[in-house]
Amino acid sequence: MVKQLWYDPGKFEVLMVTQIKDPSPDREEQIIFTDSLEAPGKISDIFPWAKYRCQYAFTKNGIHVQGYMLVNDEGNRDEYERILKSLGE
């Protein structure tokens, strides 16, 4: 497993990418953009400096990749999605 972390302290934005071997067939998951946690609650309940989570995952050539961003600006949603989709290029 490989985890990579990038952050912008000025904007309070985080990008986490996890890669793991996965023999499953190639697949692509939908982009998620939400202010909710997977469990009940809001992103800001766990990360008080962030409002939203943008997440994308796919499996390609035996590697599963999951990327997520913790962000504050809903207006930059297209940019966040573009960044996460670029992980598959």
C-alpha atoms as a PDB file:
ATOM      1  CA  MET A   1       0.000   0.000   0.000  1.00  0.00           C
ATOM      2  CA  VAL A   2       1.212   3.492  -0.857  1.00  0.00           C
ATOM      3  CA  LYS A   3      -0.318   6.635   0.618  1.00  0.00           C
ATOM      4  CA  GLN A   4       0.512  10.127  -0.560  1.00  0.00           C
ATOM      5  CA  LEU A   5      -0.581  13.371   1.039  1.00  0.00           C
ATOM      6  CA  TRP A   6      -0.539  16.914  -0.356  1.00  0.00           C
ATOM      7  CA  TYR A   7      -1.895  19.941   1.398  1.00  0.00           C
ATOM      8  CA  ASP A   8      -2.253  23.675   0.969  1.00  0.00           C
ATOM      9  CA  PRO A   9      -2.183  25.261   4.419  1.00  0.00           C
ATOM     10  CA  GLY A  10      -3.274  28.635   3.035  1.00  0.00           C
ATOM     11  CA  LYS A  11      -6.506  27.245   1.580  1.00  0.00           C
ATOM     12  CA  PHE A  12      -6.975  24.493   4.187  1.00  0.00           C
ATOM     13  CA  GLU A  13      -7.154  21.854   1.425  1.00  0.00           C
ATOM     14  CA  VAL A  14      -5.872  18.272   1.592  1.00  0.00           C
ATOM     15  CA  LEU A  15      -5.437  15.638  -1.115  1.00  0.00           C
ATOM     16  CA  MET A  16      -4.871  12.031   0.004  1.00  0.00           C
ATOM     17  CA  VAL A  17      -4.173   9.265  -2.535  1.00  0.00           C
ATOM     18  CA  THR A  18      -4.027   5.577  -1.600  1.00  0.00           C
ATOM     19  CA  GLN A  19      -2.832   2.849  -3.971  1.00  0.00           C
ATOM     20  CA  ILE A  20      -3.132  -0.868  -3.266  1.00  0.00           C
ATOM     21  CA  LYS A  21      -2.743  -4.040  -5.318  1.00  0.00           C
ATOM     22  CA  ASP A  22      -6.138  -5.379  -6.378  1.00  0.00           C
ATOM     23  CA  PRO A  23      -6.671  -8.270  -8.798  1.00  0.00           C
ATOM     24  CA  SER A  24     -10.251  -7.128  -9.525  1.00  0.00           C
ATOM     25  CA  PRO A  25     -11.213  -6.191 -13.073  1.00  0.00           C
ATOM     26  CA  ASP A  26     -10.698  -2.599 -14.175  1.00  0.00           C
ATOM     27  CA  ARG A  27     -13.514  -0.343 -12.970  1.00  0.00           C
ATOM     28  CA  GLU A  28     -14.275   3.287 -12.286  1.00  0.00           C
ATOM     29  CA  GLU A  29     -16.405   4.653  -9.467  1.00  0.00           C
ATOM     30  CA  GLN A  30     -18.428   7.844  -9.527  1.00  0.00           C
ATOM     31  CA  ILE A  31     -17.135  11.092  -8.092  1.00  0.00           C
ATOM     32  CA  ILE A  32     -18.584  11.932  -4.692  1.00  0.00           C
ATOM     33  CA  PHE A  33     -18.848  15.539  -3.500  1.00  0.00           C
ATOM     34  CA  THR A  34     -20.489  15.863  -0.103  1.00  0.00           C
ATOM     35  CA  ASP A  35     -20.427  17.584   3.251  1.00  0.00           C
ATOM     36  CA  SER A  36     -21.458  14.317   4.975  1.00  0.00           C
ATOM     37  CA  LEU A  37     -19.385  11.555   6.503  1.00  0.00           C
ATOM     38  CA  GLU A  38     -19.891   7.899   5.597  1.00  0.00           C
ATOM     39  CA  ALA A  39     -21.240   7.531   9.144  1.00  0.00           C
ATOM     40  CA  PRO A  40     -23.805  10.003  10.485  1.00  0.00           C
ATOM     41  CA  GLY A  41     -22.416  13.504  10.753  1.00  0.00           C
ATOM     42  CA  LYS A  42     -20.678  16.232   8.778  1.00  0.00           C
ATOM     43  CA  ILE A  43     -17.096  16.474   7.499  1.00  0.00           C
ATOM     44  CA  SER A  44     -16.568  19.444   9.821  1.00  0.00           C
ATOM     45  CA  ASP A  45     -17.387  17.209  12.824  1.00  0.00           C
ATOM     46  CA  ILE A  46     -14.088  15.359  12.228  1.00  0.00           C
ATOM     47  CA  PHE A  47     -12.119  18.018  10.325  1.00  0.00           C
ATOM     48  CA  PRO A  48     -13.285  21.389  11.716  1.00  0.00           C
ATOM     49  CA  TRP A  49     -11.285  23.276   9.067  1.00  0.00           C
ATOM     50  CA  ALA A  50     -13.003  21.547   6.088  1.00  0.00           C
ATOM     51  CA  LYS A  51     -16.561  21.697   4.735  1.00  0.00           C
ATOM     52  CA  TYR A  52     -16.572  19.142   1.884  1.00  0.00           C
ATOM     53  CA  ARG A  53     -15.074  15.813   0.784  1.00  0.00           C
ATOM     54  CA  CYS A  54     -14.535  15.128  -2.912  1.00  0.00           C
ATOM     55  CA  GLN A  55     -13.691  11.461  -3.593  1.00  0.00           C
ATOM     56  CA  TYR A  56     -12.891   9.313  -6.616  1.00  0.00           C
ATOM     57  CA  ALA A  57     -11.715   5.702  -6.941  1.00  0.00           C
ATOM     58  CA  PHE A  58     -10.854   3.305  -9.734  1.00  0.00           C
ATOM     59  CA  THR A  59      -9.053   0.023 -10.383  1.00  0.00           C
ATOM     60  CA  LYS A  60      -6.731  -0.227 -13.369  1.00  0.00           C
ATOM     61  CA  ASN A  61      -4.103  -2.832 -14.293  1.00  0.00           C
ATOM     62  CA  GLY A  62      -4.282  -4.546 -10.908  1.00  0.00           C
ATOM     63  CA  ILE A  63      -3.969  -1.369  -8.827  1.00  0.00           C
ATOM     64  CA  HIS A  64      -6.854   0.200  -6.904  1.00  0.00           C
ATOM     65  CA  VAL A  65      -6.524   3.961  -6.439  1.00  0.00           C
ATOM     66  CA  GLN A  66      -8.633   6.087  -4.141  1.00  0.00           C
ATOM     67  CA  GLY A  67      -8.213   9.830  -3.929  1.00  0.00           C
ATOM     68  CA  TYR A  68     -10.057  12.264  -1.771  1.00  0.00           C
ATOM     69  CA  MET A  69      -9.833  15.942  -1.088  1.00  0.00           C
ATOM     70  CA  LEU A  70     -10.977  17.864   1.962  1.00  0.00           C
ATOM     71  CA  VAL A  71     -11.900  21.343   0.786  1.00  0.00           C
ATOM     72  CA  ASN A  72     -13.915  24.454   1.596  1.00  0.00           C
ATOM     73  CA  ASP A  73     -14.972  26.011  -1.692  1.00  0.00           C
ATOM     74  CA  GLU A  74     -18.010  24.443  -3.364  1.00  0.00           C
ATOM     75  CA  GLY A  75     -17.423  26.789  -6.320  1.00  0.00           C
ATOM     76  CA  ASN A  76     -14.210  24.906  -7.227  1.00  0.00           C
ATOM     77  CA  ARG A  77     -15.956  21.540  -7.484  1.00  0.00           C
ATOM     78  CA  ASP A  78     -15.102  21.128 -11.195  1.00  0.00           C
ATOM     79  CA  GLU A  79     -11.416  21.742 -10.459  1.00  0.00           C
ATOM     80  CA  TYR A  80     -11.395  19.202  -7.612  1.00  0.00           C
ATOM     81  CA  GLU A  81     -13.032  16.603  -9.858  1.00  0.00           C
ATOM     82  CA  ARG A  82     -10.524  17.329 -12.636  1.00  0.00           C
ATOM     83  CA  ILE A  83      -7.624  16.855 -10.211  1.00  0.00           C
ATOM     84  CA  LEU A  84      -8.988  13.538  -8.927  1.00  0.00           C
ATOM     85  CA  LYS A  85      -9.800  12.191 -12.412  1.00  0.00           C
ATOM     86  CA  SER A  86      -6.225  13.036 -13.494  1.00  0.00           C
ATOM     87  CA  LEU A  87      -5.032  10.263 -11.152  1.00  0.00           C
ATOM     88  CA  GLY A  88      -6.140   7.747 -13.775  1.00  0.00           C
ATOM     89  CA  GLU A  89      -4.231   9.331 -16.639  1.00  0.00           C
END
